[in-house]
Amino acid sequence: LCGKRLLVVEDNELNMEIAEFMLKGAGAEVDSVF
């Protein structure tokens, strides 16, 4: 997923942190909203 930009929508901060960790670990760029 290197260089791919994703929008992640999640109201739970812990769930957001987990999703960001997994996606960024795969090379994605992540914008987060709640």
PDB file of all heavy atoms in Angstrom:
ATOM      1  N   LEU A   1       0.825  -1.200   0.000  1.00  0.00           N
ATOM      2  CA  LEU A   1       0.000   0.000   0.000  1.00  0.00           C
ATOM      3  C   LEU A   1       0.865   1.259   0.000  1.00  0.00           C
ATOM      4  O   LEU A   1       0.366   2.354   0.272  1.00  0.00           O
ATOM      5  CB  LEU A   1      -0.921   0.009   1.230  1.00  0.00           C
ATOM      6  CG  LEU A   1      -2.033  -1.040   1.250  1.00  0.00           C
ATOM      7  CD1 LEU A   1      -2.835  -0.941   2.541  1.00  0.00           C
ATOM      8  CD2 LEU A   1      -2.946  -0.894   0.053  1.00  0.00           C
ATOM      9  N   CYS A   2       2.125   1.109  -0.321  1.00  0.00           N
ATOM     10  CA  CYS A   2       3.061   2.240  -0.265  1.00  0.00           C
ATOM     11  C   CYS A   2       2.579   3.398  -1.135  1.00  0.00           C
ATOM     12  O   CYS A   2       2.283   3.227  -2.320  1.00  0.00           O
ATOM     13  CB  CYS A   2       4.452   1.796  -0.725  1.00  0.00           C
ATOM     14  SG  CYS A   2       5.258   0.666   0.420  1.00  0.00           S
ATOM     15  N   GLY A   3       2.493   4.581  -0.520  1.00  0.00           N
ATOM     16  CA  GLY A   3       2.127   5.784  -1.237  1.00  0.00           C
ATOM     17  C   GLY A   3       0.646   5.958  -1.476  1.00  0.00           C
ATOM     18  O   GLY A   3       0.222   6.986  -2.010  1.00  0.00           O
ATOM     19  N   LYS A   4      -0.163   4.984  -1.086  1.00  0.00           N
ATOM     20  CA  LYS A   4      -1.605   5.085  -1.290  1.00  0.00           C
ATOM     21  C   LYS A   4      -2.233   5.820  -0.101  1.00  0.00           C
ATOM     22  O   LYS A   4      -1.965   5.489   1.043  1.00  0.00           O
ATOM     23  CB  LYS A   4      -2.216   3.695  -1.476  1.00  0.00           C
ATOM     24  CG  LYS A   4      -1.770   3.013  -2.760  1.00  0.00           C
ATOM     25  CD  LYS A   4      -2.379   1.640  -2.893  1.00  0.00           C
ATOM     26  CE  LYS A   4      -2.095   1.036  -4.273  1.00  0.00           C
ATOM     27  NZ  LYS A   4      -0.684   0.837  -4.532  1.00  0.00           N
ATOM     28  N   ARG A   5      -3.083   6.799  -0.398  1.00  0.00           N
ATOM     29  CA  ARG A   5      -3.677   7.619   0.647  1.00  0.00           C
ATOM     30  C   ARG A   5      -5.106   7.156   0.922  1.00  0.00           C
ATOM     31  O   ARG A   5      -5.927   7.049   0.000  1.00  0.00           O
ATOM     32  CB  ARG A   5      -3.677   9.089   0.224  1.00  0.00           C
ATOM     33  CG  ARG A   5      -4.006  10.062   1.355  1.00  0.00           C
ATOM     34  CD  ARG A   5      -3.784  11.479   0.875  1.00  0.00           C
ATOM     35  NE  ARG A   5      -4.120  12.461   1.886  1.00  0.00           N
ATOM     36  CZ  ARG A   5      -4.106  13.770   1.684  1.00  0.00           C
ATOM     37  NH1 ARG A   5      -3.750  14.244   0.491  1.00  0.00           N
ATOM     38  NH2 ARG A   5      -4.430  14.604   2.646  1.00  0.00           N
ATOM     39  N   LEU A   6      -5.381   6.878   2.184  1.00  0.00           N
ATOM     40  CA  LEU A   6      -6.677   6.351   2.591  1.00  0.00           C
ATOM     41  C   LEU A   6      -7.314   7.284   3.613  1.00  0.00           C
ATOM     42  O   LEU A   6      -6.623   7.911   4.418  1.00  0.00           O
ATOM     43  CB  LEU A   6      -6.523   4.954   3.209  1.00  0.00           C
ATOM     44  CG  LEU A   6      -5.755   3.909   2.385  1.00  0.00           C
ATOM     45  CD1 LEU A   6      -5.555   2.646   3.200  1.00  0.00           C
ATOM     46  CD2 LEU A   6      -6.491   3.602   1.095  1.00  0.00           C
ATOM     47  N   LEU A   7      -8.636   7.366   3.593  1.00  0.00           N
ATOM     48  CA  LEU A   7      -9.394   8.107   4.594  1.00  0.00           C
ATOM     49  C   LEU A   7      -9.999   7.096   5.559  1.00  0.00           C
ATOM     50  O   LEU A   7     -10.778   6.224   5.145  1.00  0.00           O
ATOM     51  CB  LEU A   7     -10.491   8.938   3.935  1.00  0.00           C
ATOM     52  CG  LEU A   7     -11.403   9.740   4.877  1.00  0.00           C
ATOM     53  CD1 LEU A   7     -10.591  10.779   5.656  1.00  0.00           C
ATOM     54  CD2 LEU A   7     -12.525  10.409   4.091  1.00  0.00           C
ATOM     55  N   VAL A   8      -9.644   7.194   6.839  1.00  0.00           N
ATOM     56  CA  VAL A   8     -10.157   6.268   7.850  1.00  0.00           C
ATOM     57  C   VAL A   8     -11.130   7.023   8.748  1.00  0.00           C
ATOM     58  O   VAL A   8     -10.790   8.062   9.315  1.00  0.00           O
ATOM     59  CB  VAL A   8      -9.009   5.665   8.685  1.00  0.00           C
ATOM     60  CG1 VAL A   8      -9.566   4.738   9.759  1.00  0.00           C
ATOM     61  CG2 VAL A   8      -8.037   4.904   7.785  1.00  0.00           C
ATOM     62  N   VAL A   9     -12.332   6.475   8.882  1.00  0.00           N
ATOM     63  CA  VAL A   9     -13.396   7.115   9.655  1.00  0.00           C
ATOM     64  C   VAL A   9     -13.752   6.194  10.827  1.00  0.00           C
ATOM     65  O   VAL A   9     -14.268   5.091  10.620  1.00  0.00           O
ATOM     66  CB  VAL A   9     -14.644   7.358   8.777  1.00  0.00           C
ATOM     67  CG1 VAL A   9     -15.617   8.281   9.489  1.00  0.00           C
ATOM     68  CG2 VAL A   9     -14.249   7.904   7.412  1.00  0.00           C
ATOM     69  N   GLU A  10     -13.489   6.625  12.035  1.00  0.00           N
ATOM     70  CA  GLU A  10     -13.653   5.770  13.217  1.00  0.00           C
ATOM     71  C   GLU A  10     -13.784   6.654  14.454  1.00  0.00           C
ATOM     72  O   GLU A  10     -12.922   7.493  14.716  1.00  0.00           O
ATOM     73  CB  GLU A  10     -12.453   4.826  13.339  1.00  0.00           C
ATOM     74  CG  GLU A  10     -12.347   4.071  14.641  1.00  0.00           C
ATOM     75  CD  GLU A  10     -13.511   3.130  14.876  1.00  0.00           C
ATOM     76  OE1 GLU A  10     -13.641   2.141  14.128  1.00  0.00           O
ATOM     77  OE2 GLU A  10     -14.292   3.401  15.814  1.00  0.00           O
ATOM     78  N   ASP A  11     -14.854   6.476  15.234  1.00  0.00           N
ATOM     79  CA  ASP A  11     -15.078   7.356  16.388  1.00  0.00           C
ATOM     80  C   ASP A  11     -14.387   6.878  17.657  1.00  0.00           C
ATOM     81  O   ASP A  11     -14.278   7.619  18.629  1.00  0.00           O
ATOM     82  CB  ASP A  11     -16.579   7.542  16.644  1.00  0.00           C
ATOM     83  CG  ASP A  11     -17.236   6.294  17.228  1.00  0.00           C
ATOM     84  OD1 ASP A  11     -16.865   5.185  16.794  1.00  0.00           O
ATOM     85  OD2 ASP A  11     -18.111   6.429  18.100  1.00  0.00           O
ATOM     86  N   ASN A  12     -13.908   5.637  17.658  1.00  0.00           N
ATOM     87  CA  ASN A  12     -13.227   5.107  18.834  1.00  0.00           C
ATOM     88  C   ASN A  12     -11.721   5.296  18.692  1.00  0.00           C
ATOM     89  O   ASN A  12     -11.117   4.821  17.722  1.00  0.00           O
ATOM     90  CB  ASN A  12     -13.568   3.614  19.007  1.00  0.00           C
ATOM     91  CG  ASN A  12     -12.949   3.006  20.242  1.00  0.00           C
ATOM     92  OD1 ASN A  12     -11.746   2.755  20.280  1.00  0.00           O
ATOM     93  ND2 ASN A  12     -13.772   2.776  21.251  1.00  0.00           N
ATOM     94  N   GLU A  13     -11.114   5.991  19.646  1.00  0.00           N
ATOM     95  CA  GLU A  13      -9.693   6.351  19.508  1.00  0.00           C
ATOM     96  C   GLU A  13      -8.796   5.114  19.471  1.00  0.00           C
ATOM     97  O   GLU A  13      -7.813   5.080  18.720  1.00  0.00           O
ATOM     98  CB  GLU A  13      -9.279   7.279  20.650  1.00  0.00           C
ATOM     99  CG  GLU A  13      -9.908   8.667  20.567  1.00  0.00           C
ATOM    100  CD  GLU A  13      -9.335   9.623  21.593  1.00  0.00           C
ATOM    101  OE1 GLU A  13      -8.319   9.274  22.227  1.00  0.00           O
ATOM    102  OE2 GLU A  13      -9.900  10.722  21.766  1.00  0.00           O
ATOM    103  N   LEU A  14      -9.107   4.107  20.278  1.00  0.00           N
ATOM    104  CA  LEU A  14      -8.279   2.901  20.289  1.00  0.00           C
ATOM    105  C   LEU A  14      -8.399   2.162  18.956  1.00  0.00           C
ATOM    106  O   LEU A  14      -7.385   1.738  18.382  1.00  0.00           O
ATOM    107  CB  LEU A  14      -8.692   1.984  21.443  1.00  0.00           C
ATOM    108  CG  LEU A  14      -7.927   0.651  21.536  1.00  0.00           C
ATOM    109  CD1 LEU A  14      -6.428   0.883  21.668  1.00  0.00           C
ATOM    110  CD2 LEU A  14      -8.448  -0.189  22.694  1.00  0.00           C
ATOM    111  N   ASN A  15      -9.622   2.016  18.451  1.00  0.00           N
ATOM    112  CA  ASN A  15      -9.799   1.359  17.151  1.00  0.00           C
ATOM    113  C   ASN A  15      -9.088   2.131  16.043  1.00  0.00           C
ATOM    114  O   ASN A  15      -8.503   1.534  15.127  1.00  0.00           O
ATOM    115  CB  ASN A  15     -11.282   1.233  16.818  1.00  0.00           C
ATOM    116  CG  ASN A  15     -11.990   0.201  17.664  1.00  0.00           C
ATOM    117  OD1 ASN A  15     -11.359  -0.658  18.260  1.00  0.00           O
ATOM    118  ND2 ASN A  15     -13.312   0.289  17.733  1.00  0.00           N
ATOM    119  N   MET A  16      -9.134   3.472  16.123  1.00  0.00           N
ATOM    120  CA  MET A  16      -8.441   4.293  15.138  1.00  0.00           C
ATOM    121  C   MET A  16      -6.937   4.063  15.203  1.00  0.00           C
ATOM    122  O   MET A  16      -6.265   3.915  14.168  1.00  0.00           O
ATOM    123  CB  MET A  16      -8.752   5.776  15.364  1.00  0.00           C
ATOM    124  CG  MET A  16      -8.014   6.712  14.413  1.00  0.00           C
ATOM    125  SD  MET A  16      -8.564   6.547  12.702  1.00  0.00           S
ATOM    126  CE  MET A  16     -10.011   7.632  12.742  1.00  0.00           C
ATOM    127  N   GLU A  17      -6.409   4.008  16.421  1.00  0.00           N
ATOM    128  CA  GLU A  17      -4.971   3.790  16.583  1.00  0.00           C
ATOM    129  C   GLU A  17      -4.545   2.447  15.989  1.00  0.00           C
ATOM    130  O   GLU A  17      -3.508   2.342  15.328  1.00  0.00           O
ATOM    131  CB  GLU A  17      -4.601   3.855  18.068  1.00  0.00           C
ATOM    132  CG  GLU A  17      -3.122   3.718  18.342  1.00  0.00           C
ATOM    133  CD  GLU A  17      -2.782   3.823  19.825  1.00  0.00           C
ATOM    134  OE1 GLU A  17      -3.652   4.243  20.611  1.00  0.00           O
ATOM    135  OE2 GLU A  17      -1.638   3.474  20.194  1.00  0.00           O
ATOM    136  N   ILE A  18      -5.360   1.423  16.212  1.00  0.00           N
ATOM    137  CA  ILE A  18      -5.050   0.091  15.671  1.00  0.00           C
ATOM    138  C   ILE A  18      -5.078   0.104  14.145  1.00  0.00           C
ATOM    139  O   ILE A  18      -4.172  -0.418  13.483  1.00  0.00           O
ATOM    140  CB  ILE A  18      -6.049  -0.951  16.220  1.00  0.00           C
ATOM    141  CG1 ILE A  18      -5.837  -1.139  17.725  1.00  0.00           C
ATOM    142  CG2 ILE A  18      -5.903  -2.281  15.483  1.00  0.00           C
ATOM    143  CD1 ILE A  18      -6.920  -1.936  18.402  1.00  0.00           C
ATOM    144  N   ALA A  19      -6.117   0.727  13.564  1.00  0.00           N
ATOM    145  CA  ALA A  19      -6.229   0.782  12.109  1.00  0.00           C
ATOM    146  C   ALA A  19      -5.058   1.554  11.507  1.00  0.00           C
ATOM    147  O   ALA A  19      -4.461   1.128  10.505  1.00  0.00           O
ATOM    148  CB  ALA A  19      -7.557   1.427  11.711  1.00  0.00           C
ATOM    149  N   GLU A  20      -4.727   2.694  12.106  1.00  0.00           N
ATOM    150  CA  GLU A  20      -3.604   3.487  11.608  1.00  0.00           C
ATOM    151  C   GLU A  20      -2.306   2.698  11.674  1.00  0.00           C
ATOM    152  O   GLU A  20      -1.497   2.728  10.733  1.00  0.00           O
ATOM    153  CB  GLU A  20      -3.462   4.771  12.436  1.00  0.00           C
ATOM    154  CG  GLU A  20      -4.547   5.801  12.194  1.00  0.00           C
ATOM    155  CD  GLU A  20      -4.372   7.023  13.075  1.00  0.00           C
ATOM    156  OE1 GLU A  20      -3.764   6.892  14.162  1.00  0.00           O
ATOM    157  OE2 GLU A  20      -4.837   8.100  12.701  1.00  0.00           O
ATOM    158  N   PHE A  21      -2.088   2.000  12.766  1.00  0.00           N
ATOM    159  CA  PHE A  21      -0.859   1.213  12.936  1.00  0.00           C
ATOM    160  C   PHE A  21      -0.733   0.158  11.840  1.00  0.00           C
ATOM    161  O   PHE A  21       0.334  -0.007  11.234  1.00  0.00           O
ATOM    162  CB  PHE A  21      -0.864   0.556  14.319  1.00  0.00           C
ATOM    163  CG  PHE A  21       0.324  -0.325  14.584  1.00  0.00           C
ATOM    164  CD1 PHE A  21       1.554   0.220  14.943  1.00  0.00           C
ATOM    165  CD2 PHE A  21       0.224  -1.708  14.467  1.00  0.00           C
ATOM    166  CE1 PHE A  21       2.654  -0.595  15.183  1.00  0.00           C
ATOM    167  CE2 PHE A  21       1.315  -2.523  14.704  1.00  0.00           C
ATOM    168  CZ  PHE A  21       2.530  -1.958  15.063  1.00  0.00           C
ATOM    169  N   MET A  22      -1.822  -0.547  11.559  1.00  0.00           N
ATOM    170  CA  MET A  22      -1.786  -1.597  10.542  1.00  0.00           C
ATOM    171  C   MET A  22      -1.576  -1.015   9.148  1.00  0.00           C
ATOM    172  O   MET A  22      -0.775  -1.525   8.359  1.00  0.00           O
ATOM    173  CB  MET A  22      -3.096  -2.393  10.579  1.00  0.00           C
ATOM    174  CG  MET A  22      -3.281  -3.234  11.821  1.00  0.00           C
ATOM    175  SD  MET A  22      -4.879  -4.105  11.775  1.00  0.00           S
ATOM    176  CE  MET A  22      -4.760  -5.091  13.293  1.00  0.00           C
ATOM    177  N   LEU A  23      -2.284   0.052   8.843  1.00  0.00           N
ATOM    178  CA  LEU A  23      -2.223   0.621   7.490  1.00  0.00           C
ATOM    179  C   LEU A  23      -0.886   1.306   7.234  1.00  0.00           C
ATOM    180  O   LEU A  23      -0.290   1.147   6.163  1.00  0.00           O
ATOM    181  CB  LEU A  23      -3.373   1.607   7.293  1.00  0.00           C
ATOM    182  CG  LEU A  23      -4.771   0.977   7.303  1.00  0.00           C
ATOM    183  CD1 LEU A  23      -5.840   2.056   7.342  1.00  0.00           C
ATOM    184  CD2 LEU A  23      -4.966   0.074   6.089  1.00  0.00           C
ATOM    185  N   LYS A  24      -0.418   2.068   8.199  1.00  0.00           N
ATOM    186  CA  LYS A  24       0.873   2.742   8.026  1.00  0.00           C
ATOM    187  C   LYS A  24       1.998   1.722   7.964  1.00  0.00           C
ATOM    188  O   LYS A  24       2.985   1.907   7.246  1.00  0.00           O
ATOM    189  CB  LYS A  24       1.099   3.748   9.143  1.00  0.00           C
ATOM    190  CG  LYS A  24       0.193   4.971   9.051  1.00  0.00           C
ATOM    191  CD  LYS A  24       0.439   5.948  10.196  1.00  0.00           C
ATOM    192  CE  LYS A  24      -0.469   7.164  10.072  1.00  0.00           C
ATOM    193  NZ  LYS A  24      -0.269   8.126  11.198  1.00  0.00           N
ATOM    194  N   GLY A  25       1.850   0.619   8.701  1.00  0.00           N
ATOM    195  CA  GLY A  25       2.847  -0.443   8.640  1.00  0.00           C
ATOM    196  C   GLY A  25       2.920  -1.083   7.269  1.00  0.00           C
ATOM    197  O   GLY A  25       3.942  -1.667   6.893  1.00  0.00           O
ATOM    198  N   ALA A  26       1.808  -1.001   6.508  1.00  0.00           N
ATOM    199  CA  ALA A  26       1.777  -1.533   5.144  1.00  0.00           C
ATOM    200  C   ALA A  26       2.162  -0.479   4.119  1.00  0.00           C
ATOM    201  O   ALA A  26       2.064  -0.723   2.914  1.00  0.00           O
ATOM    202  CB  ALA A  26       0.385  -2.078   4.828  1.00  0.00           C
ATOM    203  N   GLY A  27       2.569   0.706   4.590  1.00  0.00           N
ATOM    204  CA  GLY A  27       3.056   1.743   3.681  1.00  0.00           C
ATOM    205  C   GLY A  27       2.047   2.790   3.275  1.00  0.00           C
ATOM    206  O   GLY A  27       2.368   3.698   2.502  1.00  0.00           O
ATOM    207  N   ALA A  28       0.808   2.703   3.779  1.00  0.00           N
ATOM    208  CA  ALA A  28      -0.227   3.647   3.366  1.00  0.00           C
ATOM    209  C   ALA A  28      -0.074   4.993   4.074  1.00  0.00           C
ATOM    210  O   ALA A  28       0.474   5.081   5.176  1.00  0.00           O
ATOM    211  CB  ALA A  28      -1.603   3.067   3.667  1.00  0.00           C
ATOM    212  N   GLU A  29      -0.582   6.034   3.425  1.00  0.00           N
ATOM    213  CA  GLU A  29      -0.739   7.335   4.059  1.00  0.00           C
ATOM    214  C   GLU A  29      -2.183   7.420   4.553  1.00  0.00           C
ATOM    215  O   GLU A  29      -3.116   7.086   3.824  1.00  0.00           O
ATOM    216  CB  GLU A  29      -0.447   8.458   3.067  1.00  0.00           C
ATOM    217  CG  GLU A  29       0.987   8.428   2.528  1.00  0.00           C
ATOM    218  CD  GLU A  29       1.222   9.501   1.478  1.00  0.00           C
ATOM    219  OE1 GLU A  29       0.314  10.353   1.282  1.00  0.00           O
ATOM    220  OE2 GLU A  29       2.282   9.477   0.835  1.00  0.00           O
ATOM    221  N   VAL A  30      -2.377   7.863   5.790  1.00  0.00           N
ATOM    222  CA  VAL A  30      -3.691   7.805   6.413  1.00  0.00           C
ATOM    223  C   VAL A  30      -4.133   9.182   6.887  1.00  0.00           C
ATOM    224  O   VAL A  30      -3.396   9.870   7.591  1.00  0.00           O
ATOM    225  CB  VAL A  30      -3.686   6.829   7.621  1.00  0.00           C
ATOM    226  CG1 VAL A  30      -5.049   6.837   8.320  1.00  0.00           C
ATOM    227  CG2 VAL A  30      -3.334   5.417   7.166  1.00  0.00           C
ATOM    228  N   ASP A  31      -5.337   9.582   6.490  1.00  0.00           N
ATOM    229  CA  ASP A  31      -6.014  10.750   7.061  1.00  0.00           C
ATOM    230  C   ASP A  31      -7.138  10.223   7.945  1.00  0.00           C
ATOM    231  O   ASP A  31      -7.927   9.364   7.508  1.00  0.00           O
ATOM    232  CB  ASP A  31      -6.587  11.644   5.963  1.00  0.00           C
ATOM    233  CG  ASP A  31      -5.499  12.424   5.232  1.00  0.00           C
ATOM    234  OD1 ASP A  31      -4.328  12.368   5.666  1.00  0.00           O
ATOM    235  OD2 ASP A  31      -5.811  13.078   4.215  1.00  0.00           O
ATOM    236  N   SER A  32      -7.232  10.741   9.161  1.00  0.00           N
ATOM    237  CA  SER A  32      -8.159  10.189  10.138  1.00  0.00           C
ATOM    238  C   SER A  32      -9.211  11.219  10.545  1.00  0.00           C
ATOM    239  O   SER A  32      -8.870  12.363  10.847  1.00  0.00           O
ATOM    240  CB  SER A  32      -7.403   9.729  11.391  1.00  0.00           C
ATOM    241  OG  SER A  32      -6.355   8.845  11.043  1.00  0.00           O
ATOM    242  N   VAL A  33     -10.482  10.791  10.569  1.00  0.00           N
ATOM    243  CA  VAL A  33     -11.576  11.617  11.079  1.00  0.00           C
ATOM    244  C   VAL A  33     -12.450  10.737  11.962  1.00  0.00           C
ATOM    245  O   VAL A  33     -12.418   9.511  11.867  1.00  0.00           O
ATOM    246  CB  VAL A  33     -12.409  12.247   9.946  1.00  0.00           C
ATOM    247  CG1 VAL A  33     -11.582  13.246   9.155  1.00  0.00           C
ATOM    248  CG2 VAL A  33     -12.982  11.182   9.025  1.00  0.00           C
ATOM    249  N   PHE A  34     -13.268  11.389  12.819  1.00  0.00           N
ATOM    250  CA  PHE A  34     -13.922  10.644  13.888  1.00  0.00           C
ATOM    251  C   PHE A  34     -15.450  10.620  13.821  1.00  0.00           C
ATOM    252  O   PHE A  34     -16.095  10.167  14.761  1.00  0.00           O
ATOM    253  CB  PHE A  34     -13.450  11.188  15.241  1.00  0.00           C
ATOM    254  CG  PHE A  34     -11.994  10.924  15.509  1.00  0.00           C
ATOM    255  CD1 PHE A  34     -11.022  11.805  15.071  1.00  0.00           C
ATOM    256  CD2 PHE A  34     -11.592   9.766  16.154  1.00  0.00           C
ATOM    257  CE1 PHE A  34      -9.674  11.549  15.301  1.00  0.00           C
ATOM    258  CE2 PHE A  34     -10.257   9.495  16.379  1.00  0.00           C
ATOM    259  CZ  PHE A  34      -9.284  10.387  15.950  1.00  0.00           C
TER     260      PHE A  34
END
